[in-house]
Amino acid sequence: MIEHINKTMDRDDLFLHEDAAKLIKELNLLIRSFQNLNLHLSGWHGTLTDVPANPEKDSRNCGTPGGYIPIPGAADDPHFPWFLYWEIFWALKHTLLKDGWWILDAGGACSLFWAYLSELRNYKVFSCELDEKLVEQAQRIAQIKTWLSNDPQTPHWSSSIVQDITKLEIFPPGSFDAIFSICVMEHLTIHQRQRAIREYHRTLVPGGTLTITFDYKNPRPAIFRPDPQDPFEWKDQLMSTPEDLRKCFLLDEGLFEIQYNQELYDNGKTYLGHPRYNYAPYTFGALFLKKR
């Protein structure tokens, strides 16, 4: 029987896998520790948690009142719904990492995932983000938490910069052992995604891994800053089929190979709904790639 690792989101993964309980506990403790220090991370909607969340009007309800079920004991479900827990769990469970590795969190400055990597693991973590406010807050947190170090031998280290993830010239080839893109790629156009993929390939070491989570079957993803020189058709921006994913992430250039099952497995479970499209259902997916 094929084990489906490249697949769409499944809430049951957080309860059927023993190691998920440990991660849920770690994330809850992490969120509460930041709250106790009055340090605000970036929540699900990409804004700092000092901005009140309004879960009753966002896409987690799929248009069905009471349809969303929080994780029992969640530290701050309005800002960090269980979807984020699943992404972090699934991404880390199936990505081989070693202490002291150089990791790029592409587009995730100040996110819960970034904080988890920086606080609880011995990695050298870079994060890139276009939102200057999020980068400024990430830098402030790193200073307070003493995550910054001038010693390159220190395994526990974190730095954030304002940088377009499609233009990573600041990093030389082979800078990173692993790259993560956690629910970022759906906010880019297909041309931007393809440019980002080429930059990820260039900046990874040979055999380095690229782990991506993304909106799947979202009828209208929130694309932030299309490049004026690129052709733009809405149908080209959708990630709703395995073929769409190949066009976005594999480019037919042999840059990456797919790890695990070779085509995204759609389990048919949907947990989100687009408020402006009659709550058309969609979900998240995860894809694990390796540099050739």
C-alpha atoms as a PDB file:
ATOM      1  CA  MET A   1       0.000   0.000   0.000  1.00  0.00           C
ATOM      2  CA  ILE A   2       1.345   3.447  -0.952  1.00  0.00           C
ATOM      3  CA  GLU A   3       1.830   5.823   1.962  1.00  0.00           C
ATOM      4  CA  HIS A   4       0.548   9.234   0.929  1.00  0.00           C
ATOM      5  CA  ILE A   5       2.961  11.938   2.088  1.00  0.00           C
ATOM      6  CA  ASN A   6       2.433  14.463  -0.709  1.00  0.00           C
ATOM      7  CA  LYS A   7      -1.229  15.028  -0.016  1.00  0.00           C
ATOM      8  CA  THR A   8      -4.019  17.329   1.070  1.00  0.00           C
ATOM      9  CA  MET A   9      -4.610  18.232   4.698  1.00  0.00           C
ATOM     10  CA  ASP A  10      -6.222  15.785   7.114  1.00  0.00           C
ATOM     11  CA  ARG A  11      -7.193  16.809  10.650  1.00  0.00           C
ATOM     12  CA  ASP A  12      -6.926  13.186  11.747  1.00  0.00           C
ATOM     13  CA  ASP A  13      -3.147  13.341  11.274  1.00  0.00           C
ATOM     14  CA  LEU A  14      -2.966  15.424  14.448  1.00  0.00           C
ATOM     15  CA  PHE A  15      -4.639  12.674  16.472  1.00  0.00           C
ATOM     16  CA  LEU A  16      -3.556   9.421  14.816  1.00  0.00           C
ATOM     17  CA  HIS A  17       0.202  10.089  14.919  1.00  0.00           C
ATOM     18  CA  GLU A  18       1.782   9.842  18.370  1.00  0.00           C
ATOM     19  CA  ASP A  19       4.454  12.444  17.597  1.00  0.00           C
ATOM     20  CA  ALA A  20       1.756  15.005  16.716  1.00  0.00           C
ATOM     21  CA  ALA A  21       0.669  15.258  20.365  1.00  0.00           C
ATOM     22  CA  LYS A  22       4.200  16.274  21.345  1.00  0.00           C
ATOM     23  CA  LEU A  23       4.327  18.968  18.681  1.00  0.00           C
ATOM     24  CA  ILE A  24       0.884  20.318  19.606  1.00  0.00           C
ATOM     25  CA  LYS A  25       2.052  20.639  23.208  1.00  0.00           C
ATOM     26  CA  GLU A  26       5.263  22.373  22.104  1.00  0.00           C
ATOM     27  CA  LEU A  27       3.378  24.841  19.918  1.00  0.00           C
ATOM     28  CA  ASN A  28       0.885  25.673  22.663  1.00  0.00           C
ATOM     29  CA  LEU A  29       3.691  26.269  25.162  1.00  0.00           C
ATOM     30  CA  LEU A  30       5.550  28.376  22.603  1.00  0.00           C
ATOM     31  CA  ILE A  31       2.514  30.560  21.861  1.00  0.00           C
ATOM     32  CA  ARG A  32       1.833  31.066  25.564  1.00  0.00           C
ATOM     33  CA  SER A  33       5.459  31.940  26.269  1.00  0.00           C
ATOM     34  CA  PHE A  34       5.311  34.652  23.609  1.00  0.00           C
ATOM     35  CA  GLN A  35       2.031  35.930  25.040  1.00  0.00           C
ATOM     36  CA  ASN A  36       3.585  36.119  28.514  1.00  0.00           C
ATOM     37  CA  LEU A  37       6.403  38.241  27.107  1.00  0.00           C
ATOM     38  CA  ASN A  38       3.950  40.393  25.128  1.00  0.00           C
ATOM     39  CA  LEU A  39       5.779  39.446  21.937  1.00  0.00           C
ATOM     40  CA  HIS A  40       3.455  39.275  18.947  1.00  0.00           C
ATOM     41  CA  LEU A  41       3.967  36.754  16.172  1.00  0.00           C
ATOM     42  CA  SER A  42       2.320  36.792  12.767  1.00  0.00           C
ATOM     43  CA  GLY A  43      -1.016  35.003  12.828  1.00  0.00           C
ATOM     44  CA  TRP A  44      -2.882  33.083  10.161  1.00  0.00           C
ATOM     45  CA  HIS A  45      -3.844  36.198   8.193  1.00  0.00           C
ATOM     46  CA  GLY A  46      -0.297  37.551   8.057  1.00  0.00           C
ATOM     47  CA  THR A  47      -0.818  40.269  10.654  1.00  0.00           C
ATOM     48  CA  LEU A  48       0.649  40.471  14.142  1.00  0.00           C
ATOM     49  CA  THR A  49      -1.403  38.997  16.945  1.00  0.00           C
ATOM     50  CA  ASP A  50      -1.932  42.412  18.524  1.00  0.00           C
ATOM     51  CA  VAL A  51      -4.618  42.774  15.825  1.00  0.00           C
ATOM     52  CA  PRO A  52      -7.821  41.040  17.018  1.00  0.00           C
ATOM     53  CA  ALA A  53      -8.823  38.001  14.955  1.00  0.00           C
ATOM     54  CA  ASN A  54     -12.367  37.503  13.687  1.00  0.00           C
ATOM     55  CA  PRO A  55     -12.730  33.760  13.077  1.00  0.00           C
ATOM     56  CA  GLU A  56     -16.489  33.978  12.576  1.00  0.00           C
ATOM     57  CA  LYS A  57     -15.975  35.815   9.286  1.00  0.00           C
ATOM     58  CA  ASP A  58     -12.908  34.095   7.861  1.00  0.00           C
ATOM     59  CA  SER A  59     -12.615  31.085   5.600  1.00  0.00           C
ATOM     60  CA  ARG A  60     -12.140  28.440   8.285  1.00  0.00           C
ATOM     61  CA  ASN A  61     -15.880  27.990   8.730  1.00  0.00           C
ATOM     62  CA  CYS A  62     -16.569  26.813   5.181  1.00  0.00           C
ATOM     63  CA  GLY A  63     -19.861  28.698   5.328  1.00  0.00           C
ATOM     64  CA  THR A  64     -21.251  26.323   7.948  1.00  0.00           C
ATOM     65  CA  PRO A  65     -21.796  27.809  11.412  1.00  0.00           C
ATOM     66  CA  GLY A  66     -19.947  25.657  13.911  1.00  0.00           C
ATOM     67  CA  GLY A  67     -18.263  23.729  11.122  1.00  0.00           C
ATOM     68  CA  TYR A  68     -14.789  24.516  12.404  1.00  0.00           C
ATOM     69  CA  ILE A  69     -13.573  22.510  15.407  1.00  0.00           C
ATOM     70  CA  PRO A  70     -10.532  23.865  17.302  1.00  0.00           C
ATOM     71  CA  ILE A  71      -7.912  21.594  18.776  1.00  0.00           C
ATOM     72  CA  PRO A  72      -8.761  21.031  22.451  1.00  0.00           C
ATOM     73  CA  GLY A  73      -6.658  23.333  24.598  1.00  0.00           C
ATOM     74  CA  ALA A  74      -5.371  25.432  21.692  1.00  0.00           C
ATOM     75  CA  ALA A  75      -3.356  28.354  23.032  1.00  0.00           C
ATOM     76  CA  ASP A  76      -4.736  30.990  20.640  1.00  0.00           C
ATOM     77  CA  ASP A  77      -7.043  29.379  18.102  1.00  0.00           C
ATOM     78  CA  PRO A  78      -8.375  32.667  16.624  1.00  0.00           C
ATOM     79  CA  HIS A  79      -4.853  33.571  15.431  1.00  0.00           C
ATOM     80  CA  PHE A  80      -3.417  30.051  15.059  1.00  0.00           C
ATOM     81  CA  PRO A  81      -6.082  27.578  13.877  1.00  0.00           C
ATOM     82  CA  TRP A  82      -5.296  23.890  13.734  1.00  0.00           C
ATOM     83  CA  PHE A  83      -4.471  24.198  10.002  1.00  0.00           C
ATOM     84  CA  LEU A  84      -1.153  25.800  10.989  1.00  0.00           C
ATOM     85  CA  TYR A  85      -0.431  23.004  13.450  1.00  0.00           C
ATOM     86  CA  TRP A  86      -1.002  20.467  10.664  1.00  0.00           C
ATOM     87  CA  GLU A  87       1.306  22.309   8.255  1.00  0.00           C
ATOM     88  CA  ILE A  88       4.110  22.494  10.802  1.00  0.00           C
ATOM     89  CA  PHE A  89       3.670  18.890  11.896  1.00  0.00           C
ATOM     90  CA  TRP A  90       3.446  17.437   8.415  1.00  0.00           C
ATOM     91  CA  ALA A  91       6.313  19.533   7.031  1.00  0.00           C
ATOM     92  CA  LEU A  92       8.709  18.615   9.830  1.00  0.00           C
ATOM     93  CA  LYS A  93       7.644  14.988  10.114  1.00  0.00           C
ATOM     94  CA  HIS A  94       8.634  14.293   6.500  1.00  0.00           C
ATOM     95  CA  THR A  95      11.667  16.570   6.075  1.00  0.00           C
ATOM     96  CA  LEU A  96      14.985  15.192   7.263  1.00  0.00           C
ATOM     97  CA  LEU A  97      16.859  17.902   9.201  1.00  0.00           C
ATOM     98  CA  LYS A  98      20.108  17.865  11.165  1.00  0.00           C
ATOM     99  CA  ASP A  99      21.352  20.129  13.948  1.00  0.00           C
ATOM    100  CA  GLY A 100      23.388  23.055  12.696  1.00  0.00           C
ATOM    101  CA  TRP A 101      21.820  23.077   9.222  1.00  0.00           C
ATOM    102  CA  TRP A 102      21.211  26.330   7.377  1.00  0.00           C
ATOM    103  CA  ILE A 103      17.492  26.720   6.730  1.00  0.00           C
ATOM    104  CA  LEU A 104      15.525  29.310   4.759  1.00  0.00           C
ATOM    105  CA  ASP A 105      11.944  30.015   5.801  1.00  0.00           C
ATOM    106  CA  ALA A 106      10.829  31.693   2.577  1.00  0.00           C
ATOM    107  CA  GLY A 107       8.160  34.314   3.240  1.00  0.00           C
ATOM    108  CA  GLY A 108       7.695  33.395   6.889  1.00  0.00           C
ATOM    109  CA  ALA A 109       9.356  36.065   9.019  1.00  0.00           C
ATOM    110  CA  CYS A 110       7.698  36.239  12.440  1.00  0.00           C
ATOM    111  CA  SER A 111       5.424  33.256  11.753  1.00  0.00           C
ATOM    112  CA  LEU A 112       4.685  30.462  14.225  1.00  0.00           C
ATOM    113  CA  PHE A 113       6.754  28.080  12.095  1.00  0.00           C
ATOM    114  CA  TRP A 114       9.693  30.499  12.125  1.00  0.00           C
ATOM    115  CA  ALA A 115       9.442  30.860  15.909  1.00  0.00           C
ATOM    116  CA  TYR A 116       9.327  27.091  16.369  1.00  0.00           C
ATOM    117  CA  LEU A 117      12.451  26.533  14.261  1.00  0.00           C
ATOM    118  CA  SER A 118      14.282  29.384  15.974  1.00  0.00           C
ATOM    119  CA  GLU A 119      13.302  28.623  19.573  1.00  0.00           C
ATOM    120  CA  LEU A 120      13.114  24.860  19.858  1.00  0.00           C
ATOM    121  CA  ARG A 121      15.607  23.519  17.311  1.00  0.00           C
ATOM    122  CA  ASN A 122      19.340  23.910  16.698  1.00  0.00           C
ATOM    123  CA  TYR A 123      19.271  25.386  13.211  1.00  0.00           C
ATOM    124  CA  LYS A 124      20.619  28.506  11.557  1.00  0.00           C
ATOM    125  CA  VAL A 125      17.362  30.041  10.347  1.00  0.00           C
ATOM    126  CA  PHE A 126      17.056  32.780   7.747  1.00  0.00           C
ATOM    127  CA  SER A 127      13.645  34.196   6.890  1.00  0.00           C
ATOM    128  CA  CYS A 128      12.727  36.434   3.952  1.00  0.00           C
ATOM    129  CA  GLU A 129       9.647  38.617   3.890  1.00  0.00           C
ATOM    130  CA  LEU A 130       8.446  41.675   1.954  1.00  0.00           C
ATOM    131  CA  ASP A 131       6.413  43.057   4.863  1.00  0.00           C
ATOM    132  CA  GLU A 132       8.810  45.416   6.623  1.00  0.00           C
ATOM    133  CA  LYS A 133       6.713  45.455   9.799  1.00  0.00           C
ATOM    134  CA  LEU A 134       6.931  41.672  10.152  1.00  0.00           C
ATOM    135  CA  VAL A 135      10.680  41.683   9.533  1.00  0.00           C
ATOM    136  CA  GLU A 136      11.174  44.465  12.063  1.00  0.00           C
ATOM    137  CA  GLN A 137       9.195  42.489  14.649  1.00  0.00           C
ATOM    138  CA  ALA A 138      11.118  39.300  13.844  1.00  0.00           C
ATOM    139  CA  GLN A 139      14.399  41.145  14.335  1.00  0.00           C
ATOM    140  CA  ARG A 140      13.140  42.541  17.637  1.00  0.00           C
ATOM    141  CA  ILE A 141      12.117  39.089  18.827  1.00  0.00           C
ATOM    142  CA  ALA A 142      15.458  37.587  17.800  1.00  0.00           C
ATOM    143  CA  GLN A 143      17.223  40.310  19.791  1.00  0.00           C
ATOM    144  CA  ILE A 144      15.102  39.765  22.912  1.00  0.00           C
ATOM    145  CA  LYS A 145      15.345  35.975  22.665  1.00  0.00           C
ATOM    146  CA  THR A 146      19.118  36.158  22.026  1.00  0.00           C
ATOM    147  CA  TRP A 147      18.771  34.185  18.805  1.00  0.00           C
ATOM    148  CA  LEU A 148      21.365  36.391  17.123  1.00  0.00           C
ATOM    149  CA  SER A 149      25.016  35.392  17.256  1.00  0.00           C
ATOM    150  CA  ASN A 150      28.266  36.547  15.660  1.00  0.00           C
ATOM    151  CA  ASP A 151      29.736  33.069  16.052  1.00  0.00           C
ATOM    152  CA  PRO A 152      29.135  31.030  12.861  1.00  0.00           C
ATOM    153  CA  GLN A 153      29.696  27.840  14.854  1.00  0.00           C
ATOM    154  CA  THR A 154      26.663  28.508  17.042  1.00  0.00           C
ATOM    155  CA  PRO A 155      23.991  25.984  16.024  1.00  0.00           C
ATOM    156  CA  HIS A 156      21.084  28.054  17.391  1.00  0.00           C
ATOM    157  CA  TRP A 157      20.711  31.210  15.305  1.00  0.00           C
ATOM    158  CA  SER A 158      18.045  33.270  13.520  1.00  0.00           C
ATOM    159  CA  SER A 159      17.968  36.278  11.191  1.00  0.00           C
ATOM    160  CA  SER A 160      15.240  37.962   9.132  1.00  0.00           C
ATOM    161  CA  ILE A 161      15.526  40.331   6.182  1.00  0.00           C
ATOM    162  CA  VAL A 162      13.258  42.221   3.812  1.00  0.00           C
ATOM    163  CA  GLN A 163      13.713  40.307   0.579  1.00  0.00           C
ATOM    164  CA  ASP A 164      11.657  39.164  -2.398  1.00  0.00           C
ATOM    165  CA  ILE A 165      11.764  35.346  -2.449  1.00  0.00           C
ATOM    166  CA  THR A 166      11.873  35.419  -6.256  1.00  0.00           C
ATOM    167  CA  LYS A 167      15.116  37.418  -6.094  1.00  0.00           C
ATOM    168  CA  LEU A 168      17.517  35.811  -3.642  1.00  0.00           C
ATOM    169  CA  GLU A 169      20.746  37.186  -5.140  1.00  0.00           C
ATOM    170  CA  ILE A 170      21.910  38.113  -1.632  1.00  0.00           C
ATOM    171  CA  PHE A 171      22.461  34.393  -1.009  1.00  0.00           C
ATOM    172  CA  PRO A 172      25.221  32.605  -2.966  1.00  0.00           C
ATOM    173  CA  PRO A 173      24.630  29.198  -4.581  1.00  0.00           C
ATOM    174  CA  GLY A 174      24.380  26.340  -2.103  1.00  0.00           C
ATOM    175  CA  SER A 175      23.591  28.540   0.908  1.00  0.00           C
ATOM    176  CA  PHE A 176      20.919  26.314   2.448  1.00  0.00           C
ATOM    177  CA  ASP A 177      20.507  22.684   3.411  1.00  0.00           C
ATOM    178  CA  ALA A 178      16.716  22.965   3.420  1.00  0.00           C
ATOM    179  CA  ILE A 179      14.094  25.498   2.369  1.00  0.00           C
ATOM    180  CA  PHE A 180      10.517  25.733   3.618  1.00  0.00           C
ATOM    181  CA  SER A 181       7.673  27.674   2.026  1.00  0.00           C
ATOM    182  CA  ILE A 182       4.697  27.480   4.387  1.00  0.00           C
ATOM    183  CA  CYS A 183       1.450  28.738   2.792  1.00  0.00           C
ATOM    184  CA  VAL A 184       3.209  31.419   0.760  1.00  0.00           C
ATOM    185  CA  MET A 185       3.192  30.239  -2.842  1.00  0.00           C
ATOM    186  CA  GLU A 186      -0.546  30.744  -3.339  1.00  0.00           C
ATOM    187  CA  HIS A 187       0.027  34.459  -2.815  1.00  0.00           C
ATOM    188  CA  LEU A 188       2.344  34.588  -5.848  1.00  0.00           C
ATOM    189  CA  THR A 189       1.467  34.475  -9.534  1.00  0.00           C
ATOM    190  CA  ILE A 190       2.486  31.394 -11.468  1.00  0.00           C
ATOM    191  CA  HIS A 191       5.417  33.310 -12.975  1.00  0.00           C
ATOM    192  CA  GLN A 192       6.571  34.425  -9.537  1.00  0.00           C
ATOM    193  CA  ARG A 193       6.275  30.860  -8.240  1.00  0.00           C
ATOM    194  CA  GLN A 194       8.427  29.615 -11.071  1.00  0.00           C
ATOM    195  CA  ARG A 195      11.057  32.280 -10.423  1.00  0.00           C
ATOM    196  CA  ALA A 196      11.041  31.420  -6.730  1.00  0.00           C
ATOM    197  CA  ILE A 197      11.501  27.716  -7.519  1.00  0.00           C
ATOM    198  CA  ARG A 198      14.576  28.495  -9.631  1.00  0.00           C
ATOM    199  CA  GLU A 199      15.999  30.612  -6.809  1.00  0.00           C
ATOM    200  CA  TYR A 200      15.345  27.854  -4.292  1.00  0.00           C
ATOM    201  CA  HIS A 201      17.159  25.417  -6.551  1.00  0.00           C
ATOM    202  CA  ARG A 202      20.126  27.752  -6.942  1.00  0.00           C
ATOM    203  CA  THR A 203      20.488  28.446  -3.222  1.00  0.00           C
ATOM    204  CA  LEU A 204      20.106  24.833  -2.050  1.00  0.00           C
ATOM    205  CA  VAL A 205      23.043  22.484  -1.628  1.00  0.00           C
ATOM    206  CA  PRO A 206      23.033  19.422  -3.926  1.00  0.00           C
ATOM    207  CA  GLY A 207      20.410  17.067  -2.569  1.00  0.00           C
ATOM    208  CA  GLY A 208      18.871  19.831  -0.454  1.00  0.00           C
ATOM    209  CA  THR A 209      15.165  19.655   0.290  1.00  0.00           C
ATOM    210  CA  LEU A 210      12.294  21.999  -0.527  1.00  0.00           C
ATOM    211  CA  THR A 211       9.106  21.601   1.494  1.00  0.00           C
ATOM    212  CA  ILE A 212       6.022  23.501   0.329  1.00  0.00           C
ATOM    213  CA  THR A 213       2.542  23.872   1.771  1.00  0.00           C
ATOM    214  CA  PHE A 214      -0.113  25.739  -0.193  1.00  0.00           C
ATOM    215  CA  ASP A 215      -3.799  26.399  -0.764  1.00  0.00           C
ATOM    216  CA  TYR A 216      -5.280  23.647  -2.895  1.00  0.00           C
ATOM    217  CA  LYS A 217      -8.462  24.203  -4.919  1.00  0.00           C
ATOM    218  CA  ASN A 218      -8.819  27.753  -3.610  1.00  0.00           C
ATOM    219  CA  PRO A 219     -11.089  29.383  -6.235  1.00  0.00           C
ATOM    220  CA  ARG A 220      -9.519  32.818  -5.764  1.00  0.00           C
ATOM    221  CA  PRO A 221      -6.158  32.848  -3.971  1.00  0.00           C
ATOM    222  CA  ALA A 222      -5.072  36.180  -2.502  1.00  0.00           C
ATOM    223  CA  ILE A 223      -2.264  37.218  -4.839  1.00  0.00           C
ATOM    224  CA  PHE A 224      -0.522  40.263  -3.430  1.00  0.00           C
ATOM    225  CA  ARG A 225       1.808  41.898  -5.942  1.00  0.00           C
ATOM    226  CA  PRO A 226       1.660  40.722  -9.576  1.00  0.00           C
ATOM    227  CA  ASP A 227       4.616  41.852 -11.660  1.00  0.00           C
ATOM    228  CA  PRO A 228       3.344  44.248 -14.373  1.00  0.00           C
ATOM    229  CA  GLN A 229       5.528  42.674 -17.053  1.00  0.00           C
ATOM    230  CA  ASP A 230       3.998  39.204 -16.583  1.00  0.00           C
ATOM    231  CA  PRO A 231       0.896  38.038 -18.456  1.00  0.00           C
ATOM    232  CA  PHE A 232      -1.920  37.441 -15.998  1.00  0.00           C
ATOM    233  CA  GLU A 233      -4.914  35.146 -16.351  1.00  0.00           C
ATOM    234  CA  TRP A 234      -6.773  34.014 -13.247  1.00  0.00           C
ATOM    235  CA  LYS A 235      -7.090  30.439 -14.473  1.00  0.00           C
ATOM    236  CA  ASP A 236      -3.289  30.202 -14.622  1.00  0.00           C
ATOM    237  CA  GLN A 237      -2.928  31.123 -10.937  1.00  0.00           C
ATOM    238  CA  LEU A 238      -5.047  28.270  -9.561  1.00  0.00           C
ATOM    239  CA  MET A 239      -3.538  25.216  -7.870  1.00  0.00           C
ATOM    240  CA  SER A 240      -6.369  22.758  -8.204  1.00  0.00           C
ATOM    241  CA  THR A 241      -4.883  19.730  -9.975  1.00  0.00           C
ATOM    242  CA  PRO A 242      -1.612  17.771  -9.935  1.00  0.00           C
ATOM    243  CA  GLU A 243      -0.898  19.270 -13.374  1.00  0.00           C
ATOM    244  CA  ASP A 244      -1.190  22.786 -11.909  1.00  0.00           C
ATOM    245  CA  LEU A 245       1.391  21.831  -9.287  1.00  0.00           C
ATOM    246  CA  ARG A 246       3.776  20.481 -11.909  1.00  0.00           C
ATOM    247  CA  LYS A 247       3.585  23.776 -13.811  1.00  0.00           C
ATOM    248  CA  CYS A 248       4.209  25.777 -10.639  1.00  0.00           C
ATOM    249  CA  PHE A 249       6.851  23.716  -8.913  1.00  0.00           C
ATOM    250  CA  LEU A 250       8.557  21.297 -11.307  1.00  0.00           C
ATOM    251  CA  LEU A 251       8.826  23.487 -14.429  1.00  0.00           C
ATOM    252  CA  ASP A 252       9.665  20.423 -16.572  1.00  0.00           C
ATOM    253  CA  GLU A 253      13.329  21.362 -16.195  1.00  0.00           C
ATOM    254  CA  GLY A 254      14.526  18.560 -13.976  1.00  0.00           C
ATOM    255  CA  LEU A 255      15.463  20.923 -11.133  1.00  0.00           C
ATOM    256  CA  PHE A 256      13.746  18.907  -8.422  1.00  0.00           C
ATOM    257  CA  GLU A 257      12.566  15.361  -7.923  1.00  0.00           C
ATOM    258  CA  ILE A 258       9.428  14.541  -5.959  1.00  0.00           C
ATOM    259  CA  GLN A 259      10.040  12.631  -2.758  1.00  0.00           C
ATOM    260  CA  TYR A 260       7.586   9.948  -1.608  1.00  0.00           C
ATOM    261  CA  ASN A 261       4.427   9.374  -3.708  1.00  0.00           C
ATOM    262  CA  GLN A 262       4.852  10.952  -7.125  1.00  0.00           C
ATOM    263  CA  GLU A 263       1.477  12.695  -7.452  1.00  0.00           C
ATOM    264  CA  LEU A 264      -0.383  14.711  -4.863  1.00  0.00           C
ATOM    265  CA  TYR A 265      -3.018  12.585  -3.165  1.00  0.00           C
ATOM    266  CA  ASP A 266      -6.326  14.410  -2.734  1.00  0.00           C
ATOM    267  CA  ASN A 267      -8.145  12.814   0.211  1.00  0.00           C
ATOM    268  CA  GLY A 268     -11.336  14.711  -0.627  1.00  0.00           C
ATOM    269  CA  LYS A 269     -11.497  16.446   2.752  1.00  0.00           C
ATOM    270  CA  THR A 270     -12.003  20.212   2.681  1.00  0.00           C
ATOM    271  CA  TYR A 271     -11.825  22.438   5.733  1.00  0.00           C
ATOM    272  CA  LEU A 272     -11.959  25.951   4.321  1.00  0.00           C
ATOM    273  CA  GLY A 273     -14.374  27.944   2.194  1.00  0.00           C
ATOM    274  CA  HIS A 274     -13.914  31.159   0.246  1.00  0.00           C
ATOM    275  CA  PRO A 275     -16.249  33.812   1.736  1.00  0.00           C
ATOM    276  CA  ARG A 276     -16.577  35.674  -1.570  1.00  0.00           C
ATOM    277  CA  TYR A 277     -17.336  32.573  -3.635  1.00  0.00           C
ATOM    278  CA  ASN A 278     -20.304  31.167  -1.748  1.00  0.00           C
ATOM    279  CA  TYR A 279     -17.831  29.435   0.554  1.00  0.00           C
ATOM    280  CA  ALA A 280     -16.524  27.215  -2.219  1.00  0.00           C
ATOM    281  CA  PRO A 281     -14.555  24.513  -0.361  1.00  0.00           C
ATOM    282  CA  TYR A 282     -10.796  24.200  -0.518  1.00  0.00           C
ATOM    283  CA  THR A 283      -7.953  22.875   1.612  1.00  0.00           C
ATOM    284  CA  PHE A 284      -4.179  22.906   2.074  1.00  0.00           C
ATOM    285  CA  GLY A 285      -1.669  20.578   0.482  1.00  0.00           C
ATOM    286  CA  ALA A 286       1.944  19.611   1.144  1.00  0.00           C
ATOM    287  CA  LEU A 287       4.676  18.732  -1.358  1.00  0.00           C
ATOM    288  CA  PHE A 288       8.185  17.437  -0.652  1.00  0.00           C
ATOM    289  CA  LEU A 289      10.911  18.014  -3.232  1.00  0.00           C
ATOM    290  CA  LYS A 290      14.641  17.298  -3.455  1.00  0.00           C
ATOM    291  CA  LYS A 291      17.219  19.150  -5.527  1.00  0.00           C
ATOM    292  CA  ARG A 292      18.666  17.051  -8.314  1.00  0.00           C
END
